[in-house]
Amino acid sequence: MDEKISNIQRLSNPAAYWASVAGFIALMLLVIGAVYYATVTVEYQWRWYKAPKYFMYIETVTIYADSNGEVKEIKANKGKFDVTITDDLGDKTYTLPKGSFDLDAGDFTSPGDKIAEYVGGWKPGLLTIGLWTTLKISFISTILGILLGVIGGVARVSDTPILKWSAITYVEIIRGSPLLVQIMIAYFVLGTTINKLLAMNGFGIIDPEWYGIAALSVFTGAYVVEIVRAGIGAIHPGQVEAARSGGMTYFQCMYYIILPQALKTILPPLAGQFINLIKDSSLLGMIAIRELTKATREGITTSLQAFELWILCAILYLLMTFTLSMCIQYLERRTATK
């Protein structure tokens, strides 16, 4: 046929469709082959067999004497043994598994002597600890960011000057400065001041995690404000007028009429924003929070397994962001059918 065939018509042809699938698979295989070739040619000793311990490992507990002392007594206690060592500061009792120590009553100990060694059980590794911290911080920051964004978005489209101008000021200040700078200000400036005031009044200090969460929430909330504003703006203004003429207040109108409809519009950009939030949490390592990236750096420092650990770190971030993306797509389908 001399008639031109559109791209859609080409893809509707089964042969063309499967040809494109084969092309995609070939491209992926080419990329994988190139990566493999690069890894085997680089002068680096791969040690993937050590990777599992960064997720879970069996802890070996070793107890050392910290002063000169004498084993006062050893007695059985429910399948274990209570070993009491006395020194100048008094008695200290260790509850130890059978076979984990080689001491008898009357033995003397010196600083640094090994008292016992035993298997303590399974413990989370560095990457597991960092992954959990990243998930916890991202989840809390997402919830707080949504609250700030919805409140700010409603205020942004309000006709009340104090609400509208406050929302605009908040958005412009936060979006106009780097997140890393905001994290530093939140922790080193506000955090130091707040913790000092709390300590002066007899209260405990706030953990660095909460300053990191606050910085991420405020930063994310500023972008959510504009997303919510755009979603509200996509709703015909006649609906607001109809709701107000029916006796609803401004906030009742937003809660019952506008925001449920705007949700369909704002879900896709919200997904992108929350994916960015997960990745932005990697900056919290600058204030000594052991999130995934900082945990990876610590593992590299002690093991020198830079390639393996950075690859695992990237895979874990990809799993988190991909899972969030799938959840948002599911919500989009649910809201589209209502």
C-alpha atoms as a PDB file:
ATOM      1  CA  MET A   1       0.000   0.000   0.000  1.00  0.00           C
ATOM      2  CA  ASP A   2       1.158   3.493  -0.846  1.00  0.00           C
ATOM      3  CA  GLU A   3      -0.777   4.913   2.073  1.00  0.00           C
ATOM      4  CA  LYS A   4       1.363   5.841   5.063  1.00  0.00           C
ATOM      5  CA  ILE A   5       0.860   3.737   8.154  1.00  0.00           C
ATOM      6  CA  SER A   6       0.874   5.559  11.463  1.00  0.00           C
ATOM      7  CA  ASN A   7       2.984   4.420  14.403  1.00  0.00           C
ATOM      8  CA  ILE A   8      -0.151   3.328  16.262  1.00  0.00           C
ATOM      9  CA  GLN A   9      -1.181   1.163  13.307  1.00  0.00           C
ATOM     10  CA  ARG A  10       2.289  -0.339  13.151  1.00  0.00           C
ATOM     11  CA  LEU A  11       2.168  -1.264  16.842  1.00  0.00           C
ATOM     12  CA  SER A  12      -1.317  -2.699  16.424  1.00  0.00           C
ATOM     13  CA  ASN A  13       0.237  -5.212  14.030  1.00  0.00           C
ATOM     14  CA  PRO A  14       1.270  -8.293  16.101  1.00  0.00           C
ATOM     15  CA  ALA A  15       4.476  -8.788  14.122  1.00  0.00           C
ATOM     16  CA  ALA A  16       5.554  -5.178  14.692  1.00  0.00           C
ATOM     17  CA  TYR A  17       4.649  -5.419  18.379  1.00  0.00           C
ATOM     18  CA  TRP A  18       6.736  -8.527  18.997  1.00  0.00           C
ATOM     19  CA  ALA A  19       9.570  -7.078  16.955  1.00  0.00           C
ATOM     20  CA  SER A  20       9.630  -4.067  19.301  1.00  0.00           C
ATOM     21  CA  VAL A  21       9.582  -6.410  22.318  1.00  0.00           C
ATOM     22  CA  ALA A  22      12.514  -8.346  20.877  1.00  0.00           C
ATOM     23  CA  GLY A  23      14.340  -5.083  20.268  1.00  0.00           C
ATOM     24  CA  PHE A  24      13.838  -4.041  23.886  1.00  0.00           C
ATOM     25  CA  ILE A  25      15.109  -7.400  25.172  1.00  0.00           C
ATOM     26  CA  ALA A  26      18.130  -7.179  22.870  1.00  0.00           C
ATOM     27  CA  LEU A  27      18.872  -3.671  24.149  1.00  0.00           C
ATOM     28  CA  MET A  28      18.685  -4.814  27.782  1.00  0.00           C
ATOM     29  CA  LEU A  29      20.950  -7.791  27.061  1.00  0.00           C
ATOM     30  CA  LEU A  30      23.411  -5.449  25.377  1.00  0.00           C
ATOM     31  CA  VAL A  31      23.460  -3.175  28.424  1.00  0.00           C
ATOM     32  CA  ILE A  32      23.882  -6.136  30.795  1.00  0.00           C
ATOM     33  CA  GLY A  33      26.670  -7.516  28.622  1.00  0.00           C
ATOM     34  CA  ALA A  34      28.444  -4.152  28.591  1.00  0.00           C
ATOM     35  CA  VAL A  35      28.213  -3.883  32.379  1.00  0.00           C
ATOM     36  CA  TYR A  36      29.500  -7.445  32.789  1.00  0.00           C
ATOM     37  CA  TYR A  37      32.405  -6.777  30.437  1.00  0.00           C
ATOM     38  CA  ALA A  38      33.295  -3.648  32.397  1.00  0.00           C
ATOM     39  CA  THR A  39      33.230  -5.527  35.706  1.00  0.00           C
ATOM     40  CA  VAL A  40      35.468  -8.383  34.545  1.00  0.00           C
ATOM     41  CA  THR A  41      38.035  -6.066  32.965  1.00  0.00           C
ATOM     42  CA  VAL A  42      38.419  -3.695  35.912  1.00  0.00           C
ATOM     43  CA  GLU A  43      41.154  -4.606  38.402  1.00  0.00           C
ATOM     44  CA  TYR A  44      38.907  -5.216  41.377  1.00  0.00           C
ATOM     45  CA  GLN A  45      38.413  -8.258  43.566  1.00  0.00           C
ATOM     46  CA  TRP A  46      34.684  -8.863  43.829  1.00  0.00           C
ATOM     47  CA  ARG A  47      33.564 -10.295  47.188  1.00  0.00           C
ATOM     48  CA  TRP A  48      29.838 -10.801  46.888  1.00  0.00           C
ATOM     49  CA  TYR A  49      30.008 -13.661  49.387  1.00  0.00           C
ATOM     50  CA  LYS A  50      30.493 -11.055  52.126  1.00  0.00           C
ATOM     51  CA  ALA A  51      27.386  -9.077  51.160  1.00  0.00           C
ATOM     52  CA  PRO A  52      24.793 -11.066  53.208  1.00  0.00           C
ATOM     53  CA  LYS A  53      26.314  -9.983  56.521  1.00  0.00           C
ATOM     54  CA  TYR A  54      25.323  -6.396  55.744  1.00  0.00           C
ATOM     55  CA  PHE A  55      21.690  -7.505  55.855  1.00  0.00           C
ATOM     56  CA  MET A  56      21.729 -10.068  58.686  1.00  0.00           C
ATOM     57  CA  TYR A  57      24.544 -11.678  60.636  1.00  0.00           C
ATOM     58  CA  ILE A  58      25.088 -13.934  63.634  1.00  0.00           C
ATOM     59  CA  GLU A  59      26.532 -11.888  66.477  1.00  0.00           C
ATOM     60  CA  THR A  60      29.495 -13.218  68.446  1.00  0.00           C
ATOM     61  CA  VAL A  61      29.505 -11.732  71.947  1.00  0.00           C
ATOM     62  CA  THR A  62      32.873 -11.428  73.674  1.00  0.00           C
ATOM     63  CA  ILE A  63      33.111 -10.221  77.273  1.00  0.00           C
ATOM     64  CA  TYR A  64      36.386  -8.861  78.647  1.00  0.00           C
ATOM     65  CA  ALA A  65      37.418  -8.011  82.183  1.00  0.00           C
ATOM     66  CA  ASP A  66      37.805  -4.281  82.805  1.00  0.00           C
ATOM     67  CA  SER A  67      39.715  -4.466  86.112  1.00  0.00           C
ATOM     68  CA  ASN A  68      41.675  -6.772  88.400  1.00  0.00           C
ATOM     69  CA  GLY A  69      39.295  -9.175  90.092  1.00  0.00           C
ATOM     70  CA  GLU A  70      38.591 -12.648  91.369  1.00  0.00           C
ATOM     71  CA  VAL A  71      35.912 -15.169  90.410  1.00  0.00           C
ATOM     72  CA  LYS A  72      33.805 -15.294  93.558  1.00  0.00           C
ATOM     73  CA  GLU A  73      31.329 -18.013  92.593  1.00  0.00           C
ATOM     74  CA  ILE A  74      29.782 -19.864  89.668  1.00  0.00           C
ATOM     75  CA  LYS A  75      26.262 -21.247  90.005  1.00  0.00           C
ATOM     76  CA  ALA A  76      23.709 -22.737  87.616  1.00  0.00           C
ATOM     77  CA  ASN A  77      20.680 -20.632  86.659  1.00  0.00           C
ATOM     78  CA  LYS A  78      17.990 -22.129  84.355  1.00  0.00           C
ATOM     79  CA  GLY A  79      20.345 -23.762  81.881  1.00  0.00           C
ATOM     80  CA  LYS A  80      22.913 -20.967  82.123  1.00  0.00           C
ATOM     81  CA  PHE A  81      25.532 -19.994  84.676  1.00  0.00           C
ATOM     82  CA  ASP A  82      25.863 -16.888  86.852  1.00  0.00           C
ATOM     83  CA  VAL A  83      29.542 -15.983  87.108  1.00  0.00           C
ATOM     84  CA  THR A  84      30.241 -13.459  89.872  1.00  0.00           C
ATOM     85  CA  ILE A  85      33.522 -11.544  89.754  1.00  0.00           C
ATOM     86  CA  THR A  86      34.509  -9.277  92.620  1.00  0.00           C
ATOM     87  CA  ASP A  87      36.905  -6.336  92.394  1.00  0.00           C
ATOM     88  CA  ASP A  88      37.572  -3.038  94.166  1.00  0.00           C
ATOM     89  CA  LEU A  89      34.187  -1.675  93.062  1.00  0.00           C
ATOM     90  CA  GLY A  90      32.195  -4.665  94.282  1.00  0.00           C
ATOM     91  CA  ASP A  91      30.578  -7.708  92.703  1.00  0.00           C
ATOM     92  CA  LYS A  92      29.601  -8.001  89.046  1.00  0.00           C
ATOM     93  CA  THR A  93      27.529 -10.957  87.836  1.00  0.00           C
ATOM     94  CA  TYR A  94      27.485 -12.251  84.254  1.00  0.00           C
ATOM     95  CA  THR A  95      24.798 -14.683  83.058  1.00  0.00           C
ATOM     96  CA  LEU A  96      26.567 -16.872  80.500  1.00  0.00           C
ATOM     97  CA  PRO A  97      25.640 -19.912  78.374  1.00  0.00           C
ATOM     98  CA  LYS A  98      27.186 -23.247  79.199  1.00  0.00           C
ATOM     99  CA  GLY A  99      30.556 -23.766  77.543  1.00  0.00           C
ATOM    100  CA  SER A 100      31.120 -20.064  76.814  1.00  0.00           C
ATOM    101  CA  PHE A 101      33.692 -19.551  79.600  1.00  0.00           C
ATOM    102  CA  ASP A 102      36.709 -21.335  81.028  1.00  0.00           C
ATOM    103  CA  LEU A 103      36.802 -20.070  84.595  1.00  0.00           C
ATOM    104  CA  ASP A 104      36.646 -21.624  88.033  1.00  0.00           C
ATOM    105  CA  ALA A 105      35.889 -20.133  91.412  1.00  0.00           C
ATOM    106  CA  GLY A 106      39.014 -18.496  92.799  1.00  0.00           C
ATOM    107  CA  ASP A 107      40.532 -17.624  89.415  1.00  0.00           C
ATOM    108  CA  PHE A 108      41.968 -14.126  89.039  1.00  0.00           C
ATOM    109  CA  THR A 109      41.254 -11.773  86.150  1.00  0.00           C
ATOM    110  CA  SER A 110      43.186  -8.811  84.773  1.00  0.00           C
ATOM    111  CA  PRO A 111      42.019  -5.933  82.553  1.00  0.00           C
ATOM    112  CA  GLY A 112      41.574  -7.234  79.003  1.00  0.00           C
ATOM    113  CA  ASP A 113      41.239 -10.899  79.936  1.00  0.00           C
ATOM    114  CA  LYS A 114      38.516 -12.712  77.995  1.00  0.00           C
ATOM    115  CA  ILE A 115      35.799 -13.816  80.386  1.00  0.00           C
ATOM    116  CA  ALA A 116      33.463 -15.456  77.884  1.00  0.00           C
ATOM    117  CA  GLU A 117      32.587 -15.733  74.210  1.00  0.00           C
ATOM    118  CA  TYR A 118      29.315 -17.023  72.788  1.00  0.00           C
ATOM    119  CA  VAL A 119      26.927 -16.741  69.847  1.00  0.00           C
ATOM    120  CA  GLY A 120      24.361 -14.048  70.582  1.00  0.00           C
ATOM    121  CA  GLY A 121      21.905 -14.725  67.751  1.00  0.00           C
ATOM    122  CA  TRP A 122      20.842 -12.975  64.560  1.00  0.00           C
ATOM    123  CA  LYS A 123      21.328  -9.213  64.313  1.00  0.00           C
ATOM    124  CA  PRO A 124      20.418  -6.705  61.571  1.00  0.00           C
ATOM    125  CA  GLY A 125      23.336  -5.603  59.425  1.00  0.00           C
ATOM    126  CA  LEU A 126      24.318  -2.076  58.410  1.00  0.00           C
ATOM    127  CA  LEU A 127      22.212  -2.010  55.246  1.00  0.00           C
ATOM    128  CA  THR A 128      19.150  -3.339  57.080  1.00  0.00           C
ATOM    129  CA  ILE A 129      19.524  -0.676  59.781  1.00  0.00           C
ATOM    130  CA  GLY A 130      19.994   2.036  57.159  1.00  0.00           C
ATOM    131  CA  LEU A 131      17.057   0.772  55.089  1.00  0.00           C
ATOM    132  CA  TRP A 132      14.748   0.773  58.113  1.00  0.00           C
ATOM    133  CA  THR A 133      15.832   4.300  59.079  1.00  0.00           C
ATOM    134  CA  THR A 134      15.246   5.547  55.521  1.00  0.00           C
ATOM    135  CA  LEU A 135      11.794   3.930  55.379  1.00  0.00           C
ATOM    136  CA  LYS A 136      10.800   5.321  58.777  1.00  0.00           C
ATOM    137  CA  ILE A 137      11.994   8.851  58.023  1.00  0.00           C
ATOM    138  CA  SER A 138      10.466   8.835  54.531  1.00  0.00           C
ATOM    139  CA  PHE A 139       7.105   7.579  55.794  1.00  0.00           C
ATOM    140  CA  ILE A 140       6.805  10.154  58.586  1.00  0.00           C
ATOM    141  CA  SER A 141       8.054  12.957  56.326  1.00  0.00           C
ATOM    142  CA  THR A 142       5.544  11.959  53.636  1.00  0.00           C
ATOM    143  CA  ILE A 143       2.613  12.139  56.066  1.00  0.00           C
ATOM    144  CA  LEU A 144       3.731  15.488  57.484  1.00  0.00           C
ATOM    145  CA  GLY A 145       4.524  16.806  54.004  1.00  0.00           C
ATOM    146  CA  ILE A 146       1.018  15.909  52.805  1.00  0.00           C
ATOM    147  CA  LEU A 147      -0.551  17.689  55.791  1.00  0.00           C
ATOM    148  CA  LEU A 148       1.560  20.805  55.263  1.00  0.00           C
ATOM    149  CA  GLY A 149       0.963  20.714  51.517  1.00  0.00           C
ATOM    150  CA  VAL A 150      -2.818  20.330  51.720  1.00  0.00           C
ATOM    151  CA  ILE A 151      -3.152  23.058  54.350  1.00  0.00           C
ATOM    152  CA  GLY A 152      -0.802  25.320  52.409  1.00  0.00           C
ATOM    153  CA  GLY A 153      -2.505  24.549  49.088  1.00  0.00           C
ATOM    154  CA  VAL A 154      -5.934  25.450  50.450  1.00  0.00           C
ATOM    155  CA  ALA A 155      -4.472  28.623  51.954  1.00  0.00           C
ATOM    156  CA  ARG A 156      -2.717  29.396  48.657  1.00  0.00           C
ATOM    157  CA  VAL A 157      -6.014  29.646  46.740  1.00  0.00           C
ATOM    158  CA  SER A 158      -7.812  31.446  49.559  1.00  0.00           C
ATOM    159  CA  ASP A 159      -8.997  35.031  49.172  1.00  0.00           C
ATOM    160  CA  THR A 160      -7.923  35.832  52.743  1.00  0.00           C
ATOM    161  CA  PRO A 161      -4.672  37.842  52.493  1.00  0.00           C
ATOM    162  CA  ILE A 162      -3.009  36.452  55.626  1.00  0.00           C
ATOM    163  CA  LEU A 163      -3.550  32.853  54.479  1.00  0.00           C
ATOM    164  CA  LYS A 164      -2.622  33.421  50.844  1.00  0.00           C
ATOM    165  CA  TRP A 165       0.461  35.559  51.516  1.00  0.00           C
ATOM    166  CA  SER A 166       1.692  33.231  54.261  1.00  0.00           C
ATOM    167  CA  ALA A 167       1.458  30.256  51.890  1.00  0.00           C
ATOM    168  CA  ILE A 168       3.237  32.153  49.101  1.00  0.00           C
ATOM    169  CA  THR A 169       6.025  33.244  51.476  1.00  0.00           C
ATOM    170  CA  TYR A 170       6.494  29.694  52.749  1.00  0.00           C
ATOM    171  CA  VAL A 171       6.673  28.233  49.245  1.00  0.00           C
ATOM    172  CA  GLU A 172       9.073  30.831  47.863  1.00  0.00           C
ATOM    173  CA  ILE A 173      11.490  30.641  50.795  1.00  0.00           C
ATOM    174  CA  ILE A 174      11.632  26.848  50.896  1.00  0.00           C
ATOM    175  CA  ARG A 175      11.760  26.271  47.140  1.00  0.00           C
ATOM    176  CA  GLY A 176      14.340  29.031  46.753  1.00  0.00           C
ATOM    177  CA  SER A 177      17.012  27.410  48.945  1.00  0.00           C
ATOM    178  CA  PRO A 178      18.803  24.034  48.727  1.00  0.00           C
ATOM    179  CA  LEU A 179      17.539  21.195  50.892  1.00  0.00           C
ATOM    180  CA  LEU A 180      21.023  20.559  52.283  1.00  0.00           C
ATOM    181  CA  VAL A 181      21.200  24.136  53.569  1.00  0.00           C
ATOM    182  CA  GLN A 182      17.783  23.737  55.189  1.00  0.00           C
ATOM    183  CA  ILE A 183      18.893  20.511  56.889  1.00  0.00           C
ATOM    184  CA  MET A 184      21.991  22.250  58.258  1.00  0.00           C
ATOM    185  CA  ILE A 185      19.937  25.176  59.558  1.00  0.00           C
ATOM    186  CA  ALA A 186      17.332  22.856  61.081  1.00  0.00           C
ATOM    187  CA  TYR A 187      19.941  20.836  62.969  1.00  0.00           C
ATOM    188  CA  PHE A 188      22.900  23.095  63.714  1.00  0.00           C
ATOM    189  CA  VAL A 189      21.014  26.373  64.232  1.00  0.00           C
ATOM    190  CA  LEU A 190      17.470  25.559  65.346  1.00  0.00           C
ATOM    191  CA  GLY A 191      18.408  22.179  66.818  1.00  0.00           C
ATOM    192  CA  THR A 192      21.251  23.561  68.917  1.00  0.00           C
ATOM    193  CA  THR A 193      19.075  26.395  70.213  1.00  0.00           C
ATOM    194  CA  ILE A 194      16.068  24.196  70.987  1.00  0.00           C
ATOM    195  CA  ASN A 195      18.134  21.473  72.674  1.00  0.00           C
ATOM    196  CA  LYS A 196      19.950  24.052  74.780  1.00  0.00           C
ATOM    197  CA  LEU A 197      16.661  25.553  75.955  1.00  0.00           C
ATOM    198  CA  LEU A 198      15.283  22.087  76.719  1.00  0.00           C
ATOM    199  CA  ALA A 199      18.396  21.143  78.702  1.00  0.00           C
ATOM    200  CA  MET A 200      18.273  24.403  80.672  1.00  0.00           C
ATOM    201  CA  ASN A 201      14.701  23.610  81.716  1.00  0.00           C
ATOM    202  CA  GLY A 202      15.422  20.012  82.680  1.00  0.00           C
ATOM    203  CA  PHE A 203      14.015  18.296  79.577  1.00  0.00           C
ATOM    204  CA  GLY A 204      15.694  15.717  77.364  1.00  0.00           C
ATOM    205  CA  ILE A 205      17.149  16.792  74.031  1.00  0.00           C
ATOM    206  CA  ILE A 206      15.486  15.986  70.703  1.00  0.00           C
ATOM    207  CA  ASP A 207      17.081  13.275  68.573  1.00  0.00           C
ATOM    208  CA  PRO A 208      18.714  14.422  65.281  1.00  0.00           C
ATOM    209  CA  GLU A 209      16.271  12.220  63.347  1.00  0.00           C
ATOM    210  CA  TRP A 210      13.396  14.547  64.217  1.00  0.00           C
ATOM    211  CA  TYR A 211      15.230  17.599  62.928  1.00  0.00           C
ATOM    212  CA  GLY A 212      15.906  15.695  59.719  1.00  0.00           C
ATOM    213  CA  ILE A 213      12.253  14.691  59.480  1.00  0.00           C
ATOM    214  CA  ALA A 214      11.195  18.295  60.084  1.00  0.00           C
ATOM    215  CA  ALA A 215      13.492  19.584  57.326  1.00  0.00           C
ATOM    216  CA  LEU A 216      12.302  16.965  54.825  1.00  0.00           C
ATOM    217  CA  SER A 217       8.640  17.544  55.718  1.00  0.00           C
ATOM    218  CA  VAL A 218       8.859  21.312  55.328  1.00  0.00           C
ATOM    219  CA  PHE A 219      10.768  20.975  52.048  1.00  0.00           C
ATOM    220  CA  THR A 220       8.342  18.431  50.603  1.00  0.00           C
ATOM    221  CA  GLY A 221       5.322  20.351  51.867  1.00  0.00           C
ATOM    222  CA  ALA A 222       6.342  23.427  49.863  1.00  0.00           C
ATOM    223  CA  TYR A 223       6.214  21.457  46.609  1.00  0.00           C
ATOM    224  CA  VAL A 224       2.994  19.707  47.597  1.00  0.00           C
ATOM    225  CA  VAL A 225       1.433  23.163  48.125  1.00  0.00           C
ATOM    226  CA  GLU A 226       1.909  23.979  44.445  1.00  0.00           C
ATOM    227  CA  ILE A 227       0.722  20.525  43.370  1.00  0.00           C
ATOM    228  CA  VAL A 228      -2.459  20.919  45.432  1.00  0.00           C
ATOM    229  CA  ARG A 229      -2.951  24.465  44.134  1.00  0.00           C
ATOM    230  CA  ALA A 230      -2.735  23.226  40.544  1.00  0.00           C
ATOM    231  CA  GLY A 231      -5.165  20.389  41.305  1.00  0.00           C
ATOM    232  CA  ILE A 232      -7.677  22.769  42.866  1.00  0.00           C
ATOM    233  CA  GLY A 233      -7.262  25.151  39.941  1.00  0.00           C
ATOM    234  CA  ALA A 234      -8.242  22.363  37.542  1.00  0.00           C
ATOM    235  CA  ILE A 235     -11.711  22.159  39.129  1.00  0.00           C
ATOM    236  CA  HIS A 236     -14.338  24.423  37.586  1.00  0.00           C
ATOM    237  CA  PRO A 237     -14.851  27.485  39.840  1.00  0.00           C
ATOM    238  CA  GLY A 238     -18.598  27.099  39.457  1.00  0.00           C
ATOM    239  CA  GLN A 239     -18.461  24.158  41.860  1.00  0.00           C
ATOM    240  CA  VAL A 240     -17.018  26.377  44.573  1.00  0.00           C
ATOM    241  CA  GLU A 241     -19.692  28.985  43.956  1.00  0.00           C
ATOM    242  CA  ALA A 242     -22.439  26.354  44.062  1.00  0.00           C
ATOM    243  CA  ALA A 243     -21.127  24.913  47.326  1.00  0.00           C
ATOM    244  CA  ARG A 244     -20.796  28.348  48.930  1.00  0.00           C
ATOM    245  CA  SER A 245     -24.269  29.337  47.820  1.00  0.00           C
ATOM    246  CA  GLY A 246     -25.534  26.121  49.418  1.00  0.00           C
ATOM    247  CA  GLY A 247     -24.323  27.316  52.813  1.00  0.00           C
ATOM    248  CA  MET A 248     -20.950  25.583  53.022  1.00  0.00           C
ATOM    249  CA  THR A 249     -17.976  27.376  54.514  1.00  0.00           C
ATOM    250  CA  TYR A 250     -14.797  27.733  52.470  1.00  0.00           C
ATOM    251  CA  PHE A 251     -13.052  24.846  54.238  1.00  0.00           C
ATOM    252  CA  GLN A 252     -16.152  22.609  54.075  1.00  0.00           C
ATOM    253  CA  CYS A 253     -16.297  23.251  50.345  1.00  0.00           C
ATOM    254  CA  MET A 254     -12.651  22.282  49.961  1.00  0.00           C
ATOM    255  CA  TYR A 255     -12.936  19.160  52.131  1.00  0.00           C
ATOM    256  CA  TYR A 256     -16.159  17.707  50.728  1.00  0.00           C
ATOM    257  CA  ILE A 257     -16.273  18.988  47.130  1.00  0.00           C
ATOM    258  CA  ILE A 258     -12.958  20.182  45.699  1.00  0.00           C
ATOM    259  CA  LEU A 259     -10.169  18.091  47.237  1.00  0.00           C
ATOM    260  CA  PRO A 260     -11.752  14.675  46.469  1.00  0.00           C
ATOM    261  CA  GLN A 261     -11.966  15.659  42.797  1.00  0.00           C
ATOM    262  CA  ALA A 262      -8.499  17.239  42.781  1.00  0.00           C
ATOM    263  CA  LEU A 263      -6.997  14.006  44.131  1.00  0.00           C
ATOM    264  CA  LYS A 264      -7.215  12.387  40.682  1.00  0.00           C
ATOM    265  CA  THR A 265      -5.196  15.238  39.208  1.00  0.00           C
ATOM    266  CA  ILE A 266      -2.539  15.539  41.889  1.00  0.00           C
ATOM    267  CA  LEU A 267      -1.672  11.850  42.405  1.00  0.00           C
ATOM    268  CA  PRO A 268       0.883  11.539  39.534  1.00  0.00           C
ATOM    269  CA  PRO A 269       2.951  14.606  40.526  1.00  0.00           C
ATOM    270  CA  LEU A 270       2.680  13.591  44.189  1.00  0.00           C
ATOM    271  CA  ALA A 271       4.232  10.229  43.313  1.00  0.00           C
ATOM    272  CA  GLY A 272       7.221  11.956  41.763  1.00  0.00           C
ATOM    273  CA  GLN A 273       7.595  14.241  44.754  1.00  0.00           C
ATOM    274  CA  PHE A 274       7.529  11.402  47.268  1.00  0.00           C
ATOM    275  CA  ILE A 275      10.017   9.394  45.217  1.00  0.00           C
ATOM    276  CA  ASN A 276      12.304  12.428  45.369  1.00  0.00           C
ATOM    277  CA  LEU A 277      11.756  12.552  49.130  1.00  0.00           C
ATOM    278  CA  ILE A 278      13.074   9.000  49.531  1.00  0.00           C
ATOM    279  CA  LYS A 279      16.184   9.897  47.544  1.00  0.00           C
ATOM    280  CA  ASP A 280      16.596  13.237  49.331  1.00  0.00           C
ATOM    281  CA  SER A 281      16.707  11.426  52.672  1.00  0.00           C
ATOM    282  CA  SER A 282      20.270  10.435  51.738  1.00  0.00           C
ATOM    283  CA  LEU A 283      21.329  13.975  52.702  1.00  0.00           C
ATOM    284  CA  LEU A 284      20.495  13.320  56.350  1.00  0.00           C
ATOM    285  CA  GLY A 285      23.783  11.483  56.752  1.00  0.00           C
ATOM    286  CA  MET A 286      25.339  14.959  56.973  1.00  0.00           C
ATOM    287  CA  ILE A 287      23.826  15.331  60.459  1.00  0.00           C
ATOM    288  CA  ALA A 288      24.936  11.872  61.643  1.00  0.00           C
ATOM    289  CA  ILE A 289      21.686  10.030  60.882  1.00  0.00           C
ATOM    290  CA  ARG A 290      22.471   6.479  59.801  1.00  0.00           C
ATOM    291  CA  GLU A 291      20.162   6.257  56.822  1.00  0.00           C
ATOM    292  CA  LEU A 292      20.854   3.943  53.899  1.00  0.00           C
ATOM    293  CA  THR A 293      23.540   6.031  52.190  1.00  0.00           C
ATOM    294  CA  LYS A 294      25.450   6.739  55.401  1.00  0.00           C
ATOM    295  CA  ALA A 295      25.219   3.077  56.412  1.00  0.00           C
ATOM    296  CA  THR A 296      26.680   2.168  53.012  1.00  0.00           C
ATOM    297  CA  ARG A 297      29.562   4.599  53.490  1.00  0.00           C
ATOM    298  CA  GLU A 298      30.274   3.128  56.922  1.00  0.00           C
ATOM    299  CA  GLY A 299      30.326  -0.375  55.465  1.00  0.00           C
ATOM    300  CA  ILE A 300      32.738   0.705  52.726  1.00  0.00           C
ATOM    301  CA  THR A 301      35.038   2.332  55.288  1.00  0.00           C
ATOM    302  CA  THR A 302      35.419  -0.907  57.243  1.00  0.00           C
ATOM    303  CA  SER A 303      35.384  -3.435  54.381  1.00  0.00           C
ATOM    304  CA  LEU A 304      36.641  -1.535  51.294  1.00  0.00           C
ATOM    305  CA  GLN A 305      33.866  -3.232  49.277  1.00  0.00           C
ATOM    306  CA  ALA A 306      32.892  -0.062  47.445  1.00  0.00           C
ATOM    307  CA  PHE A 307      31.450  -1.602  44.279  1.00  0.00           C
ATOM    308  CA  GLU A 308      29.334  -4.276  45.967  1.00  0.00           C
ATOM    309  CA  LEU A 309      27.880  -2.012  48.632  1.00  0.00           C
ATOM    310  CA  TRP A 310      27.075   0.891  46.313  1.00  0.00           C
ATOM    311  CA  ILE A 311      25.348  -1.502  43.905  1.00  0.00           C
ATOM    312  CA  LEU A 312      23.302  -2.977  46.772  1.00  0.00           C
ATOM    313  CA  CYS A 313      22.481   0.538  47.989  1.00  0.00           C
ATOM    314  CA  ALA A 314      21.231   1.526  44.525  1.00  0.00           C
ATOM    315  CA  ILE A 315      19.115  -1.645  44.284  1.00  0.00           C
ATOM    316  CA  LEU A 316      17.503  -0.954  47.673  1.00  0.00           C
ATOM    317  CA  TYR A 317      16.638   2.622  46.655  1.00  0.00           C
ATOM    318  CA  LEU A 318      15.208   1.292  43.387  1.00  0.00           C
ATOM    319  CA  LEU A 319      13.056  -1.224  45.271  1.00  0.00           C
ATOM    320  CA  MET A 320      11.676   1.502  47.543  1.00  0.00           C
ATOM    321  CA  THR A 321      10.893   3.950  44.762  1.00  0.00           C
ATOM    322  CA  PHE A 322       9.480   1.272  42.446  1.00  0.00           C
ATOM    323  CA  THR A 323       7.196  -0.040  45.204  1.00  0.00           C
ATOM    324  CA  LEU A 324       5.952   3.480  45.925  1.00  0.00           C
ATOM    325  CA  SER A 325       5.360   4.072  42.216  1.00  0.00           C
ATOM    326  CA  MET A 326       3.293   0.871  41.964  1.00  0.00           C
ATOM    327  CA  CYS A 327       1.218   1.890  45.001  1.00  0.00           C
ATOM    328  CA  ILE A 328       0.498   5.305  43.481  1.00  0.00           C
ATOM    329  CA  GLN A 329      -0.513   3.706  40.176  1.00  0.00           C
ATOM    330  CA  TYR A 330      -2.889   1.427  42.080  1.00  0.00           C
ATOM    331  CA  LEU A 331      -4.448   4.451  43.796  1.00  0.00           C
ATOM    332  CA  GLU A 332      -4.772   6.187  40.430  1.00  0.00           C
ATOM    333  CA  ARG A 333      -6.716   3.236  39.037  1.00  0.00           C
ATOM    334  CA  ARG A 334      -8.932   3.114  42.124  1.00  0.00           C
ATOM    335  CA  THR A 335      -9.748   6.824  41.985  1.00  0.00           C
ATOM    336  CA  ALA A 336     -10.289   6.709  38.213  1.00  0.00           C
ATOM    337  CA  THR A 337     -13.086   4.146  38.621  1.00  0.00           C
ATOM    338  CA  LYS A 338     -14.981   6.207  41.199  1.00  0.00           C
END
